[in-house]
N, C-alpha and C. Protein backbone atom coordinates (compact mmCIF):
# COMPACT_ATOMS: atom_id res chain seq x y z
N MET A 1 17.73 -154.86 -36.53
CA MET A 1 16.55 -154.84 -35.67
C MET A 1 16.58 -153.58 -34.83
N THR A 2 15.44 -152.98 -34.64
CA THR A 2 15.38 -151.74 -33.88
C THR A 2 14.49 -151.93 -32.68
N THR A 3 14.71 -151.08 -31.72
CA THR A 3 13.88 -151.09 -30.51
C THR A 3 12.64 -150.26 -30.78
N PRO A 4 11.67 -150.30 -29.88
CA PRO A 4 10.46 -149.52 -30.10
C PRO A 4 10.72 -148.02 -30.26
N ASP A 5 11.83 -147.54 -29.73
CA ASP A 5 12.16 -146.10 -29.85
C ASP A 5 12.86 -145.79 -31.16
N ASN A 6 12.87 -146.75 -32.11
CA ASN A 6 13.57 -146.60 -33.39
C ASN A 6 15.07 -146.38 -33.23
N GLN A 7 15.64 -147.00 -32.21
CA GLN A 7 17.07 -146.93 -31.99
C GLN A 7 17.68 -148.26 -32.42
N PRO A 8 18.82 -148.25 -33.16
CA PRO A 8 19.43 -149.50 -33.58
C PRO A 8 20.03 -150.25 -32.40
N ASP A 9 20.01 -151.60 -32.52
CA ASP A 9 20.64 -152.41 -31.49
C ASP A 9 22.15 -152.33 -31.64
N GLY A 10 22.88 -152.58 -30.61
CA GLY A 10 24.33 -152.58 -30.67
C GLY A 10 24.91 -151.20 -30.36
N PRO A 11 26.24 -151.14 -30.40
CA PRO A 11 26.88 -149.88 -30.01
C PRO A 11 26.69 -148.80 -31.09
N VAL A 12 26.48 -147.60 -30.63
CA VAL A 12 26.35 -146.45 -31.51
C VAL A 12 27.64 -145.64 -31.38
N HIS A 13 28.34 -145.46 -32.49
CA HIS A 13 29.62 -144.76 -32.46
C HIS A 13 29.41 -143.29 -32.81
N SER A 14 30.24 -142.48 -32.20
CA SER A 14 30.22 -141.07 -32.59
C SER A 14 30.98 -140.91 -33.90
N ARG A 15 30.89 -139.74 -34.47
CA ARG A 15 31.57 -139.48 -35.74
C ARG A 15 33.09 -139.63 -35.58
N LEU A 16 33.61 -139.15 -34.46
CA LEU A 16 35.04 -139.26 -34.20
C LEU A 16 35.47 -140.72 -34.11
N GLU A 17 34.68 -141.53 -33.41
CA GLU A 17 35.02 -142.95 -33.29
C GLU A 17 34.97 -143.63 -34.66
N ASP A 18 33.99 -143.26 -35.48
CA ASP A 18 33.91 -143.83 -36.83
C ASP A 18 35.13 -143.47 -37.66
N GLU A 19 35.60 -142.22 -37.56
CA GLU A 19 36.77 -141.81 -38.32
C GLU A 19 38.03 -142.52 -37.84
N VAL A 20 38.17 -142.68 -36.52
CA VAL A 20 39.33 -143.39 -35.98
C VAL A 20 39.31 -144.85 -36.41
N LEU A 21 38.14 -145.47 -36.38
CA LEU A 21 38.03 -146.86 -36.83
C LEU A 21 38.37 -146.99 -38.31
N GLU A 22 37.96 -146.01 -39.10
CA GLU A 22 38.28 -146.03 -40.53
C GLU A 22 39.78 -145.91 -40.76
N ILE A 23 40.44 -145.03 -40.01
CA ILE A 23 41.89 -144.88 -40.13
C ILE A 23 42.60 -146.16 -39.72
N LEU A 24 42.18 -146.75 -38.62
CA LEU A 24 42.80 -147.99 -38.18
C LEU A 24 42.59 -149.11 -39.18
N HIS A 25 41.41 -149.17 -39.78
CA HIS A 25 41.13 -150.20 -40.78
C HIS A 25 42.03 -150.02 -41.99
N ARG A 26 42.20 -148.76 -42.43
CA ARG A 26 43.08 -148.51 -43.59
C ARG A 26 44.52 -148.84 -43.28
N SER A 27 44.97 -148.55 -42.04
CA SER A 27 46.37 -148.80 -41.70
C SER A 27 46.65 -150.30 -41.55
N ASP A 28 45.63 -151.10 -41.27
CA ASP A 28 45.84 -152.55 -41.14
C ASP A 28 45.99 -153.24 -42.49
N ARG A 29 45.40 -152.66 -43.54
CA ARG A 29 45.48 -153.27 -44.86
C ARG A 29 46.84 -152.99 -45.48
N PRO A 30 47.44 -153.99 -46.10
CA PRO A 30 48.71 -153.73 -46.80
C PRO A 30 48.44 -152.93 -48.08
N ILE A 31 49.45 -152.19 -48.52
CA ILE A 31 49.33 -151.37 -49.72
C ILE A 31 49.31 -152.30 -50.93
N SER A 32 48.36 -152.08 -51.81
CA SER A 32 48.26 -152.93 -53.00
C SER A 32 49.38 -152.57 -53.97
N PHE A 33 49.68 -153.49 -54.88
CA PHE A 33 50.74 -153.27 -55.85
C PHE A 33 50.40 -152.09 -56.76
N ALA A 34 49.13 -151.96 -57.14
CA ALA A 34 48.72 -150.85 -58.00
C ALA A 34 48.90 -149.51 -57.29
N ASP A 35 48.57 -149.44 -56.00
CA ASP A 35 48.79 -148.19 -55.25
C ASP A 35 50.27 -147.87 -55.14
N HIS A 36 51.08 -148.91 -54.92
CA HIS A 36 52.53 -148.71 -54.83
C HIS A 36 53.08 -148.15 -56.14
N GLN A 37 52.65 -148.71 -57.27
CA GLN A 37 53.10 -148.23 -58.58
C GLN A 37 52.62 -146.80 -58.83
N ARG A 38 51.41 -146.51 -58.42
CA ARG A 38 50.86 -145.16 -58.60
C ARG A 38 51.67 -144.14 -57.80
N ARG A 39 52.05 -144.48 -56.58
CA ARG A 39 52.87 -143.57 -55.77
C ARG A 39 54.24 -143.36 -56.38
N LEU A 40 54.84 -144.42 -56.91
CA LEU A 40 56.16 -144.29 -57.55
C LEU A 40 56.07 -143.38 -58.78
N ARG A 41 55.03 -143.55 -59.59
CA ARG A 41 54.87 -142.69 -60.77
C ARG A 41 54.65 -141.24 -60.37
N ARG A 42 53.89 -141.01 -59.32
CA ARG A 42 53.63 -139.64 -58.87
C ARG A 42 54.92 -138.98 -58.39
N ARG A 43 55.76 -139.73 -57.64
CA ARG A 43 57.03 -139.17 -57.18
C ARG A 43 57.95 -138.85 -58.35
N ALA A 44 58.00 -139.74 -59.35
CA ALA A 44 58.85 -139.48 -60.51
C ALA A 44 58.34 -138.26 -61.27
N HIS A 45 57.04 -138.13 -61.38
CA HIS A 45 56.46 -136.98 -62.07
C HIS A 45 56.79 -135.69 -61.32
N GLN A 46 56.73 -135.72 -60.01
CA GLN A 46 57.03 -134.53 -59.22
C GLN A 46 58.50 -134.15 -59.34
N ARG A 47 59.40 -135.15 -59.40
CA ARG A 47 60.82 -134.85 -59.57
C ARG A 47 61.09 -134.20 -60.91
N MET A 48 60.41 -134.65 -61.95
CA MET A 48 60.60 -134.07 -63.28
C MET A 48 59.98 -132.68 -63.37
N ARG A 49 58.89 -132.48 -62.67
CA ARG A 49 58.15 -131.24 -62.74
C ARG A 49 58.78 -130.15 -61.88
N GLY A 50 59.64 -130.50 -60.94
CA GLY A 50 60.22 -129.54 -59.99
C GLY A 50 60.86 -128.32 -60.62
N PRO A 51 61.81 -128.48 -61.58
CA PRO A 51 62.44 -127.30 -62.16
C PRO A 51 61.46 -126.40 -62.91
N ILE A 52 60.48 -127.00 -63.56
CA ILE A 52 59.50 -126.21 -64.31
C ILE A 52 58.67 -125.36 -63.35
N VAL A 53 58.25 -125.97 -62.24
CA VAL A 53 57.45 -125.24 -61.27
C VAL A 53 58.28 -124.14 -60.62
N ALA A 54 59.57 -124.41 -60.38
CA ALA A 54 60.43 -123.40 -59.77
C ALA A 54 60.56 -122.18 -60.68
N LYS A 55 60.64 -122.40 -61.99
CA LYS A 55 60.71 -121.27 -62.91
C LYS A 55 59.40 -120.51 -62.91
N TRP A 56 58.28 -121.21 -62.85
CA TRP A 56 56.98 -120.54 -62.83
C TRP A 56 56.79 -119.75 -61.55
N ARG A 57 57.27 -120.27 -60.45
CA ARG A 57 57.09 -119.59 -59.17
C ARG A 57 57.97 -118.35 -59.06
N SER A 58 58.96 -118.21 -59.95
CA SER A 58 59.77 -117.00 -59.92
C SER A 58 58.93 -115.78 -60.27
N THR A 59 57.81 -115.97 -60.95
CA THR A 59 56.92 -114.85 -61.24
C THR A 59 56.19 -114.39 -59.99
N ALA A 60 56.26 -115.17 -58.93
CA ALA A 60 55.58 -114.80 -57.70
C ALA A 60 56.24 -113.58 -57.06
N ARG A 61 57.45 -113.25 -57.48
CA ARG A 61 58.10 -112.07 -56.94
C ARG A 61 57.44 -110.80 -57.44
N PHE A 62 56.75 -110.88 -58.57
CA PHE A 62 56.07 -109.70 -59.09
C PHE A 62 54.80 -109.46 -58.29
N THR A 63 54.64 -108.24 -57.84
CA THR A 63 53.43 -107.87 -57.13
C THR A 63 52.37 -107.43 -58.14
N PRO A 64 51.12 -107.32 -57.74
CA PRO A 64 50.12 -106.82 -58.67
C PRO A 64 50.46 -105.43 -59.21
N GLY A 65 51.14 -104.62 -58.41
CA GLY A 65 51.55 -103.30 -58.87
C GLY A 65 52.56 -103.39 -60.01
N ALA A 66 53.46 -104.38 -59.94
CA ALA A 66 54.44 -104.55 -61.00
C ALA A 66 53.75 -104.96 -62.30
N PHE A 67 52.74 -105.82 -62.21
CA PHE A 67 51.99 -106.19 -63.41
C PHE A 67 51.28 -104.97 -63.99
N LEU A 68 50.76 -104.10 -63.12
CA LEU A 68 50.09 -102.89 -63.58
C LEU A 68 51.07 -101.97 -64.32
N VAL A 69 52.25 -101.77 -63.74
CA VAL A 69 53.25 -100.91 -64.37
C VAL A 69 53.68 -101.48 -65.72
N LEU A 70 53.93 -102.80 -65.76
CA LEU A 70 54.32 -103.42 -67.03
C LEU A 70 53.20 -103.31 -68.07
N GLY A 71 51.97 -103.43 -67.64
CA GLY A 71 50.84 -103.29 -68.57
C GLY A 71 50.74 -101.88 -69.13
N VAL A 72 50.95 -100.87 -68.29
CA VAL A 72 50.91 -99.48 -68.76
C VAL A 72 52.06 -99.21 -69.71
N VAL A 73 53.25 -99.74 -69.40
CA VAL A 73 54.40 -99.57 -70.29
C VAL A 73 54.12 -100.21 -71.65
N ALA A 74 53.54 -101.41 -71.65
CA ALA A 74 53.21 -102.07 -72.91
C ALA A 74 52.18 -101.27 -73.69
N ALA A 75 51.20 -100.68 -73.00
CA ALA A 75 50.18 -99.87 -73.69
C ALA A 75 50.80 -98.61 -74.29
N LEU A 76 51.68 -97.96 -73.54
CA LEU A 76 52.33 -96.75 -74.07
C LEU A 76 53.22 -97.08 -75.26
N LEU A 77 53.93 -98.19 -75.17
CA LEU A 77 54.77 -98.61 -76.29
C LEU A 77 53.92 -98.95 -77.52
N ALA A 78 52.79 -99.59 -77.31
CA ALA A 78 51.88 -99.90 -78.42
C ALA A 78 51.33 -98.62 -79.04
N PHE A 79 51.02 -97.64 -78.21
CA PHE A 79 50.52 -96.36 -78.72
C PHE A 79 51.60 -95.64 -79.53
N ALA A 80 52.85 -95.76 -79.09
CA ALA A 80 53.94 -95.07 -79.77
C ALA A 80 54.24 -95.69 -81.13
N ILE A 81 54.10 -96.98 -81.30
CA ILE A 81 54.48 -97.63 -82.56
C ILE A 81 53.27 -98.02 -83.42
N ARG A 82 52.09 -97.52 -83.10
CA ARG A 82 50.89 -97.94 -83.84
C ARG A 82 50.94 -97.55 -85.31
N GLU A 83 51.62 -96.46 -85.64
CA GLU A 83 51.70 -96.02 -87.04
C GLU A 83 52.72 -96.82 -87.83
N THR A 84 53.86 -97.14 -87.21
CA THR A 84 54.93 -97.83 -87.95
C THR A 84 54.70 -99.33 -88.05
N SER A 85 54.16 -99.95 -87.00
CA SER A 85 53.95 -101.40 -87.02
C SER A 85 52.63 -101.73 -86.33
N PRO A 86 51.54 -101.73 -87.08
CA PRO A 86 50.24 -102.02 -86.45
C PRO A 86 50.16 -103.42 -85.85
N PHE A 87 50.80 -104.40 -86.49
CA PHE A 87 50.75 -105.76 -85.96
C PHE A 87 51.44 -105.85 -84.60
N LEU A 88 52.65 -105.27 -84.48
CA LEU A 88 53.37 -105.28 -83.20
C LEU A 88 52.60 -104.49 -82.15
N ALA A 89 51.93 -103.42 -82.56
CA ALA A 89 51.13 -102.64 -81.61
C ALA A 89 49.97 -103.49 -81.07
N ARG A 90 49.34 -104.29 -81.93
CA ARG A 90 48.24 -105.17 -81.48
C ARG A 90 48.76 -106.25 -80.53
N VAL A 91 49.93 -106.78 -80.84
CA VAL A 91 50.52 -107.79 -79.95
C VAL A 91 50.82 -107.18 -78.59
N LEU A 92 51.33 -105.95 -78.58
CA LEU A 92 51.60 -105.29 -77.30
C LEU A 92 50.32 -104.98 -76.54
N VAL A 93 49.26 -104.65 -77.24
CA VAL A 93 47.98 -104.40 -76.58
C VAL A 93 47.44 -105.69 -75.96
N LEU A 94 47.57 -106.80 -76.66
CA LEU A 94 47.15 -108.09 -76.07
C LEU A 94 47.99 -108.42 -74.85
N GLY A 95 49.30 -108.16 -74.94
CA GLY A 95 50.17 -108.37 -73.77
C GLY A 95 49.77 -107.47 -72.62
N CYS A 96 49.38 -106.24 -72.94
CA CYS A 96 48.93 -105.31 -71.90
C CYS A 96 47.69 -105.84 -71.20
N VAL A 97 46.75 -106.34 -71.97
CA VAL A 97 45.52 -106.88 -71.38
C VAL A 97 45.85 -108.09 -70.50
N LEU A 98 46.72 -108.97 -70.98
CA LEU A 98 47.11 -110.13 -70.17
C LEU A 98 47.81 -109.72 -68.89
N LEU A 99 48.67 -108.71 -68.98
CA LEU A 99 49.36 -108.23 -67.78
C LEU A 99 48.39 -107.61 -66.78
N LEU A 100 47.38 -106.94 -67.28
CA LEU A 100 46.44 -106.29 -66.37
C LEU A 100 45.50 -107.29 -65.68
N ILE A 101 45.17 -108.40 -66.34
CA ILE A 101 44.26 -109.36 -65.70
C ILE A 101 45.01 -110.51 -65.02
N SER A 102 46.32 -110.61 -65.19
CA SER A 102 47.04 -111.73 -64.59
C SER A 102 47.00 -111.74 -63.06
N PRO A 103 47.04 -110.59 -62.34
CA PRO A 103 46.94 -110.69 -60.88
C PRO A 103 45.64 -111.35 -60.41
N ILE A 104 44.58 -111.20 -61.19
CA ILE A 104 43.31 -111.81 -60.81
C ILE A 104 43.44 -113.34 -60.84
N PHE A 105 44.08 -113.86 -61.89
CA PHE A 105 44.23 -115.30 -62.00
C PHE A 105 45.29 -115.85 -61.06
N LEU A 106 46.33 -115.07 -60.79
CA LEU A 106 47.40 -115.55 -59.93
C LEU A 106 46.98 -115.64 -58.46
N GLN A 107 45.95 -114.92 -58.07
CA GLN A 107 45.53 -115.00 -56.67
C GLN A 107 44.81 -116.31 -56.38
N TYR A 108 44.34 -117.02 -57.42
CA TYR A 108 43.62 -118.27 -57.20
C TYR A 108 44.50 -119.51 -57.28
N ARG A 109 45.79 -119.34 -57.47
CA ARG A 109 46.65 -120.52 -57.55
C ARG A 109 46.87 -121.08 -56.15
N SER A 110 47.48 -122.23 -56.09
CA SER A 110 47.66 -122.90 -54.81
C SER A 110 48.60 -122.09 -53.92
N PRO A 111 48.49 -122.25 -52.60
CA PRO A 111 49.32 -121.48 -51.70
C PRO A 111 50.79 -121.78 -51.90
N ARG A 112 51.61 -120.76 -51.74
CA ARG A 112 53.06 -120.93 -51.89
C ARG A 112 53.64 -121.45 -50.58
N GLY A 113 54.86 -121.94 -50.68
CA GLY A 113 55.56 -122.40 -49.49
C GLY A 113 54.97 -123.70 -48.98
N GLU A 114 54.86 -123.79 -47.68
CA GLU A 114 54.38 -125.02 -47.06
C GLU A 114 52.88 -125.17 -47.29
N ALA A 115 52.50 -126.29 -47.83
CA ALA A 115 51.08 -126.54 -48.07
C ALA A 115 50.40 -126.84 -46.74
N SER A 116 49.19 -126.37 -46.59
CA SER A 116 48.47 -126.62 -45.35
C SER A 116 47.95 -128.05 -45.35
N LYS A 117 47.93 -128.64 -44.20
CA LYS A 117 47.41 -129.99 -44.04
C LYS A 117 45.89 -129.93 -44.07
N ARG A 118 45.29 -130.90 -44.74
CA ARG A 118 43.84 -130.93 -44.85
C ARG A 118 43.32 -132.25 -44.29
N TRP A 119 42.20 -132.18 -43.62
CA TRP A 119 41.53 -133.35 -43.10
C TRP A 119 40.07 -133.24 -43.45
N ARG A 120 39.60 -134.13 -44.30
CA ARG A 120 38.21 -134.17 -44.72
C ARG A 120 37.74 -132.82 -45.27
N GLY A 121 38.59 -132.20 -46.09
CA GLY A 121 38.23 -130.96 -46.75
C GLY A 121 38.42 -129.71 -45.93
N ARG A 122 39.00 -129.81 -44.75
CA ARG A 122 39.21 -128.63 -43.90
C ARG A 122 40.69 -128.48 -43.61
N ASP A 123 41.16 -127.23 -43.53
CA ASP A 123 42.55 -126.96 -43.18
C ASP A 123 42.74 -127.23 -41.70
N VAL A 124 43.88 -127.86 -41.38
CA VAL A 124 44.20 -128.17 -40.00
C VAL A 124 45.46 -127.40 -39.63
N ASP A 125 45.42 -126.68 -38.52
CA ASP A 125 46.56 -125.89 -38.06
C ASP A 125 47.22 -126.63 -36.91
N PHE A 126 48.47 -127.10 -37.14
CA PHE A 126 49.19 -127.85 -36.11
C PHE A 126 50.11 -126.96 -35.29
N SER A 127 50.17 -125.68 -35.61
CA SER A 127 51.10 -124.80 -34.90
C SER A 127 50.59 -124.55 -33.48
N ALA A 128 51.54 -124.41 -32.59
CA ALA A 128 51.20 -124.14 -31.20
C ALA A 128 50.75 -122.68 -31.10
N PRO A 129 49.89 -122.39 -30.13
CA PRO A 129 49.48 -121.00 -29.99
C PRO A 129 50.71 -120.14 -29.69
N SER A 130 50.80 -119.01 -30.37
CA SER A 130 51.99 -118.18 -30.20
C SER A 130 51.89 -117.40 -28.89
N SER A 131 53.03 -117.23 -28.26
CA SER A 131 53.07 -116.48 -27.02
C SER A 131 53.30 -115.01 -27.35
N PRO A 132 52.88 -114.11 -26.47
CA PRO A 132 53.08 -112.69 -26.76
C PRO A 132 54.57 -112.34 -26.72
N PRO A 133 54.96 -111.22 -27.33
CA PRO A 133 56.38 -110.84 -27.31
C PRO A 133 56.86 -110.59 -25.89
N GLN A 134 58.15 -110.71 -25.70
CA GLN A 134 58.75 -110.57 -24.37
C GLN A 134 58.49 -109.17 -23.79
N TRP A 135 58.58 -108.13 -24.63
CA TRP A 135 58.40 -106.77 -24.12
C TRP A 135 56.99 -106.56 -23.60
N LEU A 136 56.02 -107.26 -24.20
CA LEU A 136 54.64 -107.14 -23.74
C LEU A 136 54.46 -107.82 -22.39
N ASP A 137 55.14 -108.95 -22.19
CA ASP A 137 55.09 -109.63 -20.89
C ASP A 137 55.68 -108.76 -19.78
N THR A 138 56.83 -108.14 -20.07
CA THR A 138 57.45 -107.30 -19.04
C THR A 138 56.59 -106.08 -18.74
N LEU A 139 55.96 -105.51 -19.75
CA LEU A 139 55.09 -104.36 -19.53
C LEU A 139 53.88 -104.75 -18.70
N ARG A 140 53.31 -105.91 -18.99
CA ARG A 140 52.16 -106.38 -18.22
C ARG A 140 52.56 -106.67 -16.78
N ASP A 141 53.72 -107.27 -16.57
CA ASP A 141 54.17 -107.58 -15.21
C ASP A 141 54.47 -106.31 -14.41
N ARG A 142 54.92 -105.27 -15.10
CA ARG A 142 55.26 -104.02 -14.42
C ARG A 142 54.02 -103.37 -13.84
N PHE A 143 52.89 -103.44 -14.54
CA PHE A 143 51.68 -102.77 -14.07
C PHE A 143 50.68 -103.72 -13.41
N ARG A 144 51.08 -104.94 -13.17
CA ARG A 144 50.20 -105.90 -12.51
C ARG A 144 50.14 -105.61 -11.01
N ARG A 145 48.96 -105.72 -10.47
CA ARG A 145 48.79 -105.50 -9.03
C ARG A 145 49.28 -106.73 -8.27
N PRO A 146 49.79 -106.53 -7.11
CA PRO A 146 50.18 -107.71 -6.31
C PRO A 146 48.95 -108.49 -5.88
N PRO A 147 49.09 -109.78 -5.70
CA PRO A 147 47.94 -110.60 -5.30
C PRO A 147 47.44 -110.22 -3.91
N ARG A 148 46.11 -110.29 -3.76
CA ARG A 148 45.49 -109.99 -2.46
C ARG A 148 45.50 -111.25 -1.63
N HIS A 149 45.69 -111.07 -0.33
CA HIS A 149 45.68 -112.22 0.58
C HIS A 149 44.49 -112.23 1.44
């Protein structure tokens, strides 16, 4: 039922209050058996996947410049052996192309290190505001005027 001003009867909650109520409602419900099994399977999958991901992340040490240098080396090597082994030269050219475009694809992978916390599709920064370096504080204090009385 609405009032003449087209306002609903009863309490009107803000978006923040609605989100808090939703969180409290979810925390009051016990975890279902299916959710529990799903979490266990996900943890087991992550444990098995760990060494594979660690090997893949070792390529993160290569900078885009290193991929460029390796691509040029592969192209020069393909040019040098094009007469003796055309098939190997073509394979090296394909490798060169992959090396040259790989930095483009590697920049879109997930962030390395600590994953950022997300809330409703937005990144949340929990870090405290950083204080200026000590030398900057002492420099500022040195040139600060005394307070007026």
